[in-house]
Amino acid sequence: MSESRHLTRRLFWTGFATYAAFAAWAEVLHWRSSYRMLGTAARADGTEAVVVLGYGNRGERANFINRYRVRAGIRSMDRAGDSVLILCGGTVEGDTPEAVVMERYARDELGYTGRILLETESRSTWENIENAIPMIEDAGSIKIVSNSPHAEVAREYLWQQRPDLADRLVRADEQRVGEIVPMKIGASLRLLLFRLQHR
């Protein structure tokens, strides 16, 4: 019996140490991603555009990931300035566009009353950015919100599509230490796979 308890204890601590190592790695990767692919030409004049990227949503209520992204988008907004929240996402996994589902969450559950624009046609991150460009062309500053590695990829796409707009990119408030750690681990592993596939 004592051997069994000893083995259980060793497995627990091994699992805990492995999780802690992955969590620390993911936190560092997210922190680094949150500072990458930013611009240097943000203007004080003009609207601040906060672009929130949607995630596949099967139901009519925003799933956990989309709820987090909407919250991160709203807290990223400059409440003292002229800001617009741009929600992106089409019908990737459900019948209702992700942008519409996220808007309902922002309005009905968070009580957000500010300006929102919807982009409801995109089915990929590349299309998120491509379709949002007409909504951000006049913005003085642009923030892209998702998990940090995904937002970094989206910023990279904006640099490829419209470098003049990408130079107005500023950091969003999506990365907070200790927040959504399991999601961060999964996002970090996906980014690693994405980079390996596109080497």
N, C-alpha and C. Protein backbone atom coordinates (compact mmCIF):
# COMPACT_ATOMS: atom_id res chain seq x y z
N MET A 1 0.82 -1.19 0.00
CA MET A 1 0.00 0.00 0.00
C MET A 1 0.87 1.26 0.00
N SER A 2 1.96 1.23 0.77
CA SER A 2 2.84 2.38 0.85
C SER A 2 3.51 2.63 -0.49
N GLU A 3 3.87 1.54 -1.20
CA GLU A 3 4.47 1.71 -2.53
C GLU A 3 3.49 2.36 -3.49
N SER A 4 2.23 1.96 -3.41
CA SER A 4 1.21 2.55 -4.27
C SER A 4 1.05 4.04 -3.98
N ARG A 5 1.03 4.39 -2.70
CA ARG A 5 0.92 5.81 -2.35
C ARG A 5 2.14 6.59 -2.82
N HIS A 6 3.31 5.98 -2.68
CA HIS A 6 4.55 6.62 -3.12
C HIS A 6 4.53 6.86 -4.62
N LEU A 7 4.06 5.87 -5.39
CA LEU A 7 3.97 6.02 -6.84
C LEU A 7 2.97 7.11 -7.22
N THR A 8 1.85 7.12 -6.53
CA THR A 8 0.83 8.14 -6.80
C THR A 8 1.38 9.53 -6.54
N ARG A 9 2.13 9.64 -5.42
CA ARG A 9 2.71 10.94 -5.08
C ARG A 9 3.72 11.37 -6.13
N ARG A 10 4.54 10.44 -6.59
CA ARG A 10 5.54 10.77 -7.61
C ARG A 10 4.87 11.17 -8.91
N LEU A 11 3.82 10.46 -9.30
CA LEU A 11 3.11 10.81 -10.53
C LEU A 11 2.48 12.19 -10.43
N PHE A 12 1.91 12.48 -9.25
CA PHE A 12 1.29 13.79 -9.05
C PHE A 12 2.32 14.90 -9.21
N TRP A 13 3.45 14.78 -8.51
CA TRP A 13 4.44 15.84 -8.56
C TRP A 13 5.11 15.95 -9.93
N THR A 14 5.26 14.81 -10.60
CA THR A 14 5.80 14.85 -11.96
C THR A 14 4.84 15.59 -12.89
N GLY A 15 3.55 15.26 -12.76
CA GLY A 15 2.55 15.94 -13.57
C GLY A 15 2.48 17.42 -13.26
N PHE A 16 2.55 17.75 -11.98
CA PHE A 16 2.49 19.15 -11.58
C PHE A 16 3.68 19.93 -12.12
N ALA A 17 4.87 19.32 -12.02
CA ALA A 17 6.08 19.99 -12.51
C ALA A 17 6.03 20.18 -14.02
N THR A 18 5.51 19.18 -14.72
CA THR A 18 5.39 19.29 -16.18
C THR A 18 4.43 20.40 -16.55
N TYR A 19 3.28 20.45 -15.87
CA TYR A 19 2.30 21.51 -16.13
C TYR A 19 2.89 22.88 -15.83
N ALA A 20 3.58 23.00 -14.70
CA ALA A 20 4.17 24.29 -14.32
C ALA A 20 5.19 24.75 -15.35
N ALA A 21 5.98 23.80 -15.88
CA ALA A 21 6.98 24.15 -16.90
C ALA A 21 6.30 24.64 -18.18
N PHE A 22 5.26 23.93 -18.62
CA PHE A 22 4.52 24.36 -19.81
C PHE A 22 3.85 25.72 -19.57
N ALA A 23 3.31 25.91 -18.37
CA ALA A 23 2.65 27.17 -18.06
C ALA A 23 3.63 28.33 -18.10
N ALA A 24 4.81 28.15 -17.52
CA ALA A 24 5.82 29.21 -17.52
C ALA A 24 6.27 29.52 -18.96
N TRP A 25 6.48 28.46 -19.75
CA TRP A 25 6.86 28.65 -21.15
C TRP A 25 5.79 29.41 -21.91
N ALA A 26 4.53 29.05 -21.70
CA ALA A 26 3.43 29.71 -22.39
C ALA A 26 3.31 31.18 -21.98
N GLU A 27 3.51 31.48 -20.70
CA GLU A 27 3.44 32.87 -20.23
C GLU A 27 4.51 33.71 -20.92
N VAL A 28 5.73 33.17 -20.99
CA VAL A 28 6.83 33.91 -21.63
C VAL A 28 6.53 34.11 -23.11
N LEU A 29 6.06 33.06 -23.79
CA LEU A 29 5.77 33.16 -25.20
C LEU A 29 4.67 34.18 -25.46
N HIS A 30 3.61 34.17 -24.64
CA HIS A 30 2.52 35.13 -24.81
C HIS A 30 3.00 36.56 -24.55
N TRP A 31 3.81 36.73 -23.53
CA TRP A 31 4.34 38.07 -23.22
C TRP A 31 5.16 38.58 -24.39
N ARG A 32 6.03 37.73 -24.94
CA ARG A 32 6.85 38.15 -26.08
C ARG A 32 5.97 38.45 -27.29
N SER A 33 4.99 37.59 -27.56
CA SER A 33 4.12 37.80 -28.71
C SER A 33 3.35 39.11 -28.60
N SER A 34 2.98 39.50 -27.39
CA SER A 34 2.18 40.71 -27.21
C SER A 34 2.94 41.97 -27.59
N TYR A 35 4.26 41.89 -27.70
CA TYR A 35 5.09 43.05 -28.04
C TYR A 35 5.63 42.99 -29.47
N ARG A 36 5.30 41.96 -30.20
CA ARG A 36 5.87 41.79 -31.54
C ARG A 36 4.97 42.36 -32.63
N MET A 37 5.58 42.71 -33.75
CA MET A 37 4.90 43.17 -34.97
C MET A 37 4.08 44.43 -34.73
N LEU A 38 4.53 45.28 -33.81
CA LEU A 38 3.85 46.55 -33.57
C LEU A 38 4.45 47.62 -34.48
N GLY A 39 3.73 48.72 -34.60
CA GLY A 39 4.20 49.81 -35.45
C GLY A 39 4.81 50.94 -34.64
N THR A 40 5.15 52.02 -35.34
CA THR A 40 5.77 53.18 -34.70
C THR A 40 5.08 54.49 -35.06
N ALA A 41 3.99 54.41 -35.84
CA ALA A 41 3.39 55.63 -36.38
C ALA A 41 1.96 55.86 -35.92
N ALA A 42 1.59 55.36 -34.74
CA ALA A 42 0.24 55.61 -34.23
C ALA A 42 0.05 57.11 -34.03
N ARG A 43 -1.15 57.57 -34.36
CA ARG A 43 -1.45 59.00 -34.24
C ARG A 43 -2.41 59.24 -33.08
N ALA A 44 -2.25 60.37 -32.43
CA ALA A 44 -3.16 60.72 -31.34
C ALA A 44 -4.52 61.10 -31.88
N ASP A 45 -4.54 61.65 -33.11
CA ASP A 45 -5.81 62.03 -33.71
C ASP A 45 -6.45 60.81 -34.37
N GLY A 46 -7.72 60.84 -34.58
CA GLY A 46 -8.39 59.72 -35.25
C GLY A 46 -8.90 58.69 -34.25
N THR A 47 -9.75 57.83 -34.74
CA THR A 47 -10.36 56.79 -33.92
C THR A 47 -9.36 55.71 -33.57
N GLU A 48 -9.50 55.15 -32.38
CA GLU A 48 -8.76 53.95 -32.00
C GLU A 48 -9.61 52.75 -32.41
N ALA A 49 -9.07 51.87 -33.24
CA ALA A 49 -9.78 50.67 -33.68
C ALA A 49 -9.27 49.47 -32.91
N VAL A 50 -10.17 48.77 -32.22
CA VAL A 50 -9.82 47.56 -31.48
C VAL A 50 -10.48 46.38 -32.19
N VAL A 51 -9.66 45.58 -32.86
CA VAL A 51 -10.14 44.48 -33.69
C VAL A 51 -10.08 43.18 -32.90
N VAL A 52 -11.22 42.56 -32.67
CA VAL A 52 -11.29 41.31 -31.93
C VAL A 52 -11.53 40.16 -32.90
N LEU A 53 -10.64 39.20 -32.90
CA LEU A 53 -10.74 38.06 -33.81
C LEU A 53 -11.59 36.96 -33.20
N GLY A 54 -12.56 36.47 -33.97
CA GLY A 54 -13.45 35.43 -33.47
C GLY A 54 -12.84 34.04 -33.52
N TYR A 55 -13.48 33.15 -32.80
CA TYR A 55 -13.07 31.73 -32.75
C TYR A 55 -14.32 30.89 -33.06
N GLY A 56 -14.11 29.75 -33.70
CA GLY A 56 -15.23 28.89 -34.09
C GLY A 56 -16.23 28.69 -32.97
N ASN A 57 -17.49 29.02 -33.24
CA ASN A 57 -18.55 29.00 -32.22
C ASN A 57 -19.74 28.22 -32.74
N ARG A 58 -20.02 27.07 -32.15
CA ARG A 58 -21.10 26.21 -32.64
C ARG A 58 -22.48 26.65 -32.17
N GLY A 59 -22.57 27.17 -30.98
CA GLY A 59 -23.88 27.53 -30.43
C GLY A 59 -24.22 28.99 -30.66
N GLU A 60 -25.33 29.41 -30.07
CA GLU A 60 -25.79 30.78 -30.21
C GLU A 60 -25.19 31.69 -29.13
N ARG A 61 -24.63 31.11 -28.08
CA ARG A 61 -23.97 31.89 -27.05
C ARG A 61 -22.46 31.80 -27.25
N ALA A 62 -21.78 32.91 -26.99
CA ALA A 62 -20.33 32.93 -27.15
C ALA A 62 -19.68 31.87 -26.28
N ASN A 63 -18.76 31.12 -26.86
CA ASN A 63 -18.05 30.10 -26.09
C ASN A 63 -16.98 30.76 -25.22
N PHE A 64 -16.28 29.94 -24.44
CA PHE A 64 -15.33 30.45 -23.46
C PHE A 64 -14.26 31.32 -24.12
N ILE A 65 -13.75 30.86 -25.27
CA ILE A 65 -12.67 31.60 -25.94
C ILE A 65 -13.17 32.94 -26.45
N ASN A 66 -14.33 32.95 -27.09
CA ASN A 66 -14.86 34.22 -27.60
C ASN A 66 -15.23 35.17 -26.47
N ARG A 67 -15.71 34.63 -25.35
CA ARG A 67 -16.02 35.50 -24.21
C ARG A 67 -14.75 36.17 -23.69
N TYR A 68 -13.69 35.39 -23.59
CA TYR A 68 -12.41 35.96 -23.15
C TYR A 68 -11.93 37.04 -24.11
N ARG A 69 -12.02 36.77 -25.42
CA ARG A 69 -11.52 37.74 -26.40
C ARG A 69 -12.31 39.04 -26.36
N VAL A 70 -13.62 38.94 -26.19
CA VAL A 70 -14.44 40.15 -26.11
C VAL A 70 -14.07 40.95 -24.86
N ARG A 71 -13.92 40.27 -23.74
CA ARG A 71 -13.53 40.98 -22.51
C ARG A 71 -12.17 41.65 -22.68
N ALA A 72 -11.23 40.95 -23.30
CA ALA A 72 -9.90 41.52 -23.53
C ALA A 72 -9.98 42.71 -24.48
N GLY A 73 -10.87 42.62 -25.48
CA GLY A 73 -11.03 43.74 -26.40
C GLY A 73 -11.57 44.97 -25.71
N ILE A 74 -12.58 44.79 -24.88
CA ILE A 74 -13.19 45.93 -24.19
C ILE A 74 -12.21 46.57 -23.22
N ARG A 75 -11.47 45.75 -22.48
CA ARG A 75 -10.52 46.33 -21.53
C ARG A 75 -9.31 46.96 -22.23
N SER A 76 -9.10 46.63 -23.52
CA SER A 76 -8.00 47.23 -24.28
C SER A 76 -8.33 48.62 -24.80
N MET A 77 -9.61 49.01 -24.73
CA MET A 77 -10.03 50.27 -25.31
C MET A 77 -9.62 51.45 -24.43
N ASP A 78 -9.27 52.54 -25.08
CA ASP A 78 -8.96 53.78 -24.38
C ASP A 78 -10.28 54.48 -24.09
N ARG A 79 -10.72 54.41 -22.84
CA ARG A 79 -12.04 54.97 -22.49
C ARG A 79 -12.07 56.49 -22.61
N ALA A 80 -10.89 57.12 -22.63
CA ALA A 80 -10.85 58.58 -22.72
C ALA A 80 -10.84 59.05 -24.17
N GLY A 81 -10.67 58.11 -25.11
CA GLY A 81 -10.57 58.48 -26.51
C GLY A 81 -11.79 58.06 -27.31
N ASP A 82 -11.69 58.23 -28.61
CA ASP A 82 -12.74 57.83 -29.55
C ASP A 82 -12.40 56.44 -30.06
N SER A 83 -13.06 55.43 -29.51
CA SER A 83 -12.72 54.04 -29.83
C SER A 83 -13.90 53.32 -30.47
N VAL A 84 -13.58 52.38 -31.34
CA VAL A 84 -14.59 51.52 -31.92
C VAL A 84 -14.14 50.07 -31.76
N LEU A 85 -15.06 49.21 -31.38
CA LEU A 85 -14.80 47.79 -31.22
C LEU A 85 -15.23 47.09 -32.51
N ILE A 86 -14.30 46.41 -33.16
CA ILE A 86 -14.58 45.72 -34.41
C ILE A 86 -14.52 44.22 -34.15
N LEU A 87 -15.64 43.55 -34.29
CA LEU A 87 -15.74 42.12 -34.03
C LEU A 87 -15.72 41.37 -35.35
N CYS A 88 -14.81 40.40 -35.46
CA CYS A 88 -14.59 39.70 -36.74
C CYS A 88 -14.91 38.22 -36.63
N GLY A 89 -15.56 37.69 -37.66
CA GLY A 89 -15.76 36.26 -37.73
C GLY A 89 -17.06 35.88 -38.42
N GLY A 90 -16.96 34.97 -39.36
CA GLY A 90 -18.13 34.50 -40.09
C GLY A 90 -18.69 33.22 -39.51
N THR A 91 -19.39 32.45 -40.36
CA THR A 91 -20.02 31.20 -39.94
C THR A 91 -19.06 30.04 -40.19
N VAL A 92 -18.07 29.90 -39.34
CA VAL A 92 -17.06 28.86 -39.49
C VAL A 92 -17.57 27.52 -38.96
N GLU A 93 -18.12 27.51 -37.75
CA GLU A 93 -18.58 26.26 -37.15
C GLU A 93 -20.07 26.26 -36.81
N GLY A 94 -20.72 27.40 -36.87
CA GLY A 94 -22.14 27.48 -36.55
C GLY A 94 -22.90 28.23 -37.62
N ASP A 95 -24.21 28.36 -37.40
CA ASP A 95 -25.06 29.05 -38.36
C ASP A 95 -25.04 30.57 -38.19
N THR A 96 -24.62 31.03 -37.02
CA THR A 96 -24.57 32.46 -36.74
C THR A 96 -23.13 32.94 -36.79
N PRO A 97 -22.84 34.04 -37.50
CA PRO A 97 -21.47 34.54 -37.55
C PRO A 97 -20.89 34.77 -36.16
N GLU A 98 -19.62 34.45 -36.01
CA GLU A 98 -18.95 34.64 -34.73
C GLU A 98 -19.06 36.09 -34.27
N ALA A 99 -18.96 37.03 -35.21
CA ALA A 99 -19.04 38.45 -34.84
C ALA A 99 -20.38 38.78 -34.19
N VAL A 100 -21.46 38.21 -34.69
CA VAL A 100 -22.79 38.46 -34.14
C VAL A 100 -22.90 37.86 -32.75
N VAL A 101 -22.38 36.66 -32.57
CA VAL A 101 -22.41 36.00 -31.27
C VAL A 101 -21.63 36.81 -30.24
N MET A 102 -20.47 37.32 -30.67
CA MET A 102 -19.65 38.12 -29.76
C MET A 102 -20.33 39.45 -29.42
N GLU A 103 -21.01 40.05 -30.40
CA GLU A 103 -21.72 41.30 -30.12
C GLU A 103 -22.81 41.08 -29.08
N ARG A 104 -23.55 39.98 -29.19
CA ARG A 104 -24.59 39.68 -28.20
C ARG A 104 -23.99 39.58 -26.80
N TYR A 105 -22.84 38.91 -26.71
CA TYR A 105 -22.19 38.77 -25.41
C TYR A 105 -21.78 40.13 -24.86
N ALA A 106 -21.19 40.96 -25.73
CA ALA A 106 -20.75 42.29 -25.29
C ALA A 106 -21.93 43.13 -24.81
N ARG A 107 -23.01 43.12 -25.57
CA ARG A 107 -24.17 43.96 -25.25
C ARG A 107 -24.99 43.39 -24.09
N ASP A 108 -25.38 42.11 -24.22
CA ASP A 108 -26.35 41.53 -23.31
C ASP A 108 -25.76 41.07 -21.98
N GLU A 109 -24.52 40.58 -22.01
CA GLU A 109 -23.94 40.03 -20.78
C GLU A 109 -22.93 40.96 -20.12
N LEU A 110 -22.23 41.74 -20.91
CA LEU A 110 -21.25 42.67 -20.33
C LEU A 110 -21.80 44.08 -20.21
N GLY A 111 -22.92 44.34 -20.87
CA GLY A 111 -23.51 45.67 -20.78
C GLY A 111 -22.74 46.74 -21.52
N TYR A 112 -21.96 46.34 -22.53
CA TYR A 112 -21.17 47.30 -23.29
C TYR A 112 -22.09 48.14 -24.18
N THR A 113 -21.95 49.45 -24.13
CA THR A 113 -22.84 50.35 -24.88
C THR A 113 -22.10 51.18 -25.92
N GLY A 114 -20.81 50.93 -26.08
CA GLY A 114 -20.03 51.72 -27.03
C GLY A 114 -20.26 51.29 -28.47
N ARG A 115 -19.52 51.92 -29.36
CA ARG A 115 -19.69 51.67 -30.79
C ARG A 115 -19.07 50.33 -31.18
N ILE A 116 -19.81 49.56 -31.97
CA ILE A 116 -19.35 48.26 -32.47
C ILE A 116 -19.57 48.20 -33.98
N LEU A 117 -18.57 47.68 -34.69
CA LEU A 117 -18.70 47.35 -36.10
C LEU A 117 -18.51 45.85 -36.24
N LEU A 118 -19.27 45.23 -37.15
CA LEU A 118 -19.20 43.78 -37.34
C LEU A 118 -18.63 43.43 -38.70
N GLU A 119 -17.74 42.46 -38.70
CA GLU A 119 -17.22 41.86 -39.94
C GLU A 119 -17.66 40.41 -39.90
N THR A 120 -18.60 40.02 -40.74
CA THR A 120 -19.27 38.72 -40.60
C THR A 120 -19.00 37.74 -41.72
N GLU A 121 -18.02 38.02 -42.58
CA GLU A 121 -17.80 37.16 -43.75
C GLU A 121 -16.56 36.28 -43.66
N SER A 122 -15.61 36.61 -42.81
CA SER A 122 -14.32 35.93 -42.83
C SER A 122 -14.40 34.52 -42.25
N ARG A 123 -13.55 33.66 -42.79
CA ARG A 123 -13.48 32.28 -42.33
C ARG A 123 -12.05 31.88 -41.98
N SER A 124 -11.15 32.83 -41.92
CA SER A 124 -9.75 32.57 -41.56
C SER A 124 -9.15 33.85 -40.99
N THR A 125 -7.99 33.73 -40.38
CA THR A 125 -7.33 34.92 -39.82
C THR A 125 -6.93 35.89 -40.92
N TRP A 126 -6.46 35.36 -42.04
CA TRP A 126 -6.09 36.22 -43.17
C TRP A 126 -7.30 37.05 -43.61
N GLU A 127 -8.46 36.39 -43.71
CA GLU A 127 -9.67 37.09 -44.12
C GLU A 127 -10.17 38.05 -43.04
N ASN A 128 -9.97 37.70 -41.76
CA ASN A 128 -10.30 38.63 -40.67
C ASN A 128 -9.65 39.98 -40.94
N ILE A 129 -8.37 39.94 -41.22
CA ILE A 129 -7.61 41.17 -41.44
C ILE A 129 -8.00 41.84 -42.75
N GLU A 130 -8.08 41.06 -43.80
CA GLU A 130 -8.42 41.60 -45.12
C GLU A 130 -9.77 42.32 -45.09
N ASN A 131 -10.75 41.69 -44.45
CA ASN A 131 -12.10 42.25 -44.42
C ASN A 131 -12.26 43.40 -43.42
N ALA A 132 -11.37 43.46 -42.46
CA ALA A 132 -11.44 44.55 -41.48
C ALA A 132 -10.76 45.83 -41.97
N ILE A 133 -9.94 45.72 -43.00
CA ILE A 133 -9.17 46.88 -43.46
C ILE A 133 -10.04 48.10 -43.77
N PRO A 134 -11.18 47.94 -44.48
CA PRO A 134 -11.99 49.14 -44.72
C PRO A 134 -12.50 49.82 -43.44
N MET A 135 -12.57 49.06 -42.35
CA MET A 135 -13.07 49.62 -41.09
C MET A 135 -11.98 50.31 -40.28
N ILE A 136 -10.72 50.07 -40.61
CA ILE A 136 -9.62 50.61 -39.81
C ILE A 136 -8.76 51.62 -40.57
N GLU A 137 -9.09 51.88 -41.82
CA GLU A 137 -8.23 52.73 -42.65
C GLU A 137 -8.05 54.13 -42.07
N ASP A 138 -9.06 54.66 -41.41
CA ASP A 138 -8.97 56.02 -40.88
C ASP A 138 -8.56 56.06 -39.41
N ALA A 139 -8.27 54.91 -38.83
CA ALA A 139 -7.92 54.86 -37.41
C ALA A 139 -6.53 55.45 -37.17
N GLY A 140 -6.40 56.18 -36.07
CA GLY A 140 -5.10 56.70 -35.69
C GLY A 140 -4.23 55.64 -35.05
N SER A 141 -4.86 54.68 -34.37
CA SER A 141 -4.15 53.55 -33.77
C SER A 141 -5.00 52.30 -33.90
N ILE A 142 -4.34 51.16 -33.98
CA ILE A 142 -5.02 49.89 -34.22
C ILE A 142 -4.52 48.86 -33.21
N LYS A 143 -5.46 48.18 -32.56
CA LYS A 143 -5.13 47.08 -31.66
C LYS A 143 -5.82 45.82 -32.17
N ILE A 144 -5.09 44.71 -32.17
CA ILE A 144 -5.66 43.43 -32.57
C ILE A 144 -5.68 42.52 -31.35
N VAL A 145 -6.86 41.96 -31.07
CA VAL A 145 -7.06 41.20 -29.84
C VAL A 145 -7.43 39.76 -30.16
N SER A 146 -6.73 38.85 -29.52
CA SER A 146 -7.01 37.41 -29.52
C SER A 146 -6.18 36.86 -28.37
N ASN A 147 -5.76 35.58 -28.42
CA ASN A 147 -4.65 35.22 -27.56
C ASN A 147 -3.41 35.81 -28.22
N SER A 148 -2.37 36.10 -27.46
CA SER A 148 -1.25 36.88 -27.97
C SER A 148 -0.55 36.26 -29.19
N PRO A 149 -0.27 34.95 -29.23
CA PRO A 149 0.36 34.40 -30.43
C PRO A 149 -0.52 34.54 -31.68
N HIS A 150 -1.83 34.35 -31.53
CA HIS A 150 -2.73 34.50 -32.67
C HIS A 150 -2.79 35.96 -33.11
N ALA A 151 -2.83 36.88 -32.16
CA ALA A 151 -2.83 38.30 -32.49
C ALA A 151 -1.53 38.69 -33.20
N GLU A 152 -0.43 38.09 -32.80
CA GLU A 152 0.85 38.35 -33.47
C GLU A 152 0.78 37.94 -34.94
N VAL A 153 0.22 36.75 -35.20
CA VAL A 153 0.06 36.29 -36.58
C VAL A 153 -0.83 37.25 -37.36
N ALA A 154 -1.91 37.71 -36.75
CA ALA A 154 -2.81 38.65 -37.43
C ALA A 154 -2.11 39.97 -37.73
N ARG A 155 -1.29 40.44 -36.79
CA ARG A 155 -0.53 41.67 -37.05
C ARG A 155 0.45 41.46 -38.20
N GLU A 156 1.05 40.29 -38.24
CA GLU A 156 1.95 39.95 -39.34
C GLU A 156 1.21 40.00 -40.68
N TYR A 157 -0.02 39.51 -40.69
CA TYR A 157 -0.83 39.54 -41.92
C TYR A 157 -1.15 40.98 -42.33
N LEU A 158 -1.39 41.85 -41.34
CA LEU A 158 -1.65 43.25 -41.69
C LEU A 158 -0.40 43.90 -42.27
N TRP A 159 0.77 43.54 -41.74
CA TRP A 159 2.01 44.06 -42.33
C TRP A 159 2.15 43.60 -43.78
N GLN A 160 1.72 42.40 -44.08
CA GLN A 160 1.81 41.89 -45.46
C GLN A 160 0.79 42.57 -46.37
N GLN A 161 -0.41 42.81 -45.85
CA GLN A 161 -1.49 43.34 -46.68
C GLN A 161 -1.46 44.86 -46.78
N ARG A 162 -1.24 45.54 -45.68
CA ARG A 162 -1.25 47.00 -45.66
C ARG A 162 -0.22 47.52 -44.66
N PRO A 163 1.05 47.56 -45.05
CA PRO A 163 2.09 48.02 -44.12
C PRO A 163 1.88 49.44 -43.61
N ASP A 164 1.20 50.28 -44.40
CA ASP A 164 0.93 51.65 -43.93
C ASP A 164 0.02 51.64 -42.71
N LEU A 165 -0.97 50.73 -42.70
CA LEU A 165 -1.84 50.60 -41.53
C LEU A 165 -1.14 49.86 -40.40
N ALA A 166 -0.36 48.86 -40.75
CA ALA A 166 0.35 48.08 -39.73
C ALA A 166 1.28 48.96 -38.90
N ASP A 167 1.77 50.04 -39.49
CA ASP A 167 2.66 50.94 -38.75
C ASP A 167 1.92 51.68 -37.65
N ARG A 168 0.58 51.57 -37.61
CA ARG A 168 -0.22 52.20 -36.55
C ARG A 168 -0.60 51.20 -35.46
N LEU A 169 -0.10 49.98 -35.54
CA LEU A 169 -0.43 48.95 -34.56
C LEU A 169 0.18 49.27 -33.20
N VAL A 170 -0.64 49.14 -32.16
CA VAL A 170 -0.16 49.31 -30.79
C VAL A 170 -0.59 48.08 -29.97
N ARG A 171 -0.01 47.93 -28.81
CA ARG A 171 -0.24 46.75 -27.99
C ARG A 171 -1.62 46.78 -27.35
N ALA A 172 -2.30 45.66 -27.35
CA ALA A 172 -3.59 45.51 -26.67
C ALA A 172 -3.37 44.95 -25.27
N ASP A 173 -4.41 44.98 -24.46
CA ASP A 173 -4.33 44.49 -23.07
C ASP A 173 -4.94 43.09 -23.00
N GLU A 174 -4.31 42.15 -23.71
CA GLU A 174 -4.83 40.79 -23.70
C GLU A 174 -3.98 39.84 -22.86
N GLN A 175 -2.72 40.21 -22.63
CA GLN A 175 -1.81 39.34 -21.92
C GLN A 175 -1.70 39.76 -20.46
N ARG A 176 -2.22 38.91 -19.58
CA ARG A 176 -2.07 39.12 -18.15
C ARG A 176 -1.58 37.82 -17.53
N VAL A 177 -0.55 37.92 -16.73
CA VAL A 177 0.07 36.73 -16.14
C VAL A 177 -0.92 35.99 -15.26
N GLY A 178 -1.00 34.66 -15.44
CA GLY A 178 -1.87 33.82 -14.63
C GLY A 178 -3.27 33.69 -15.15
N GLU A 179 -3.59 34.38 -16.23
CA GLU A 179 -4.94 34.35 -16.78
C GLU A 179 -5.03 33.29 -17.88
N ILE A 180 -6.12 32.53 -17.92
CA ILE A 180 -6.42 31.50 -18.93
C ILE A 180 -5.20 30.64 -19.26
N VAL A 181 -4.51 30.14 -18.25
CA VAL A 181 -3.25 29.42 -18.47
C VAL A 181 -3.41 28.19 -19.37
N PRO A 182 -4.41 27.32 -19.16
CA PRO A 182 -4.54 26.17 -20.07
C PRO A 182 -4.73 26.60 -21.53
N MET A 183 -5.50 27.66 -21.75
CA MET A 183 -5.68 28.16 -23.11
C MET A 183 -4.36 28.67 -23.68
N LYS A 184 -3.56 29.31 -22.84
CA LYS A 184 -2.26 29.82 -23.28
C LYS A 184 -1.34 28.68 -23.71
N ILE A 185 -1.37 27.59 -22.96
CA ILE A 185 -0.53 26.44 -23.33
C ILE A 185 -0.94 25.91 -24.68
N GLY A 186 -2.25 25.73 -24.90
CA GLY A 186 -2.74 25.25 -26.18
C GLY A 186 -2.40 26.19 -27.31
N ALA A 187 -2.55 27.50 -27.10
CA ALA A 187 -2.25 28.49 -28.13
C ALA A 187 -0.76 28.51 -28.45
N SER A 188 0.08 28.32 -27.44
CA SER A 188 1.52 28.31 -27.67
C SER A 188 1.94 27.10 -28.50
N LEU A 189 1.33 25.97 -28.21
CA LEU A 189 1.63 24.76 -28.99
C LEU A 189 1.16 24.92 -30.43
N ARG A 190 -0.01 25.55 -30.63
CA ARG A 190 -0.51 25.79 -31.99
C ARG A 190 0.40 26.74 -32.75
N LEU A 191 0.91 27.78 -32.07
CA LEU A 191 1.81 28.71 -32.74
C LEU A 191 3.10 28.00 -33.15
N LEU A 192 3.62 27.15 -32.26
CA LEU A 192 4.83 26.40 -32.58
C LEU A 192 4.62 25.55 -33.82
N LEU A 193 3.48 24.86 -33.88
CA LEU A 193 3.17 24.03 -35.05
C LEU A 193 3.02 24.90 -36.30
N PHE A 194 2.35 26.05 -36.16
CA PHE A 194 2.16 26.96 -37.30
C PHE A 194 3.51 27.42 -37.84
N ARG A 195 4.42 27.80 -36.95
CA ARG A 195 5.73 28.28 -37.39
C ARG A 195 6.52 27.17 -38.07
N LEU A 196 6.43 25.95 -37.55
CA LEU A 196 7.13 24.84 -38.17
C LEU A 196 6.58 24.54 -39.57
N GLN A 197 5.27 24.68 -39.73
CA GLN A 197 4.65 24.42 -41.03
C GLN A 197 4.96 25.49 -42.05
N HIS A 198 5.31 26.71 -41.60
CA HIS A 198 5.53 27.82 -42.52
C HIS A 198 6.98 28.28 -42.53
N ARG A 199 7.87 27.38 -42.21
CA ARG A 199 9.31 27.69 -42.24
C ARG A 199 9.78 27.76 -43.67
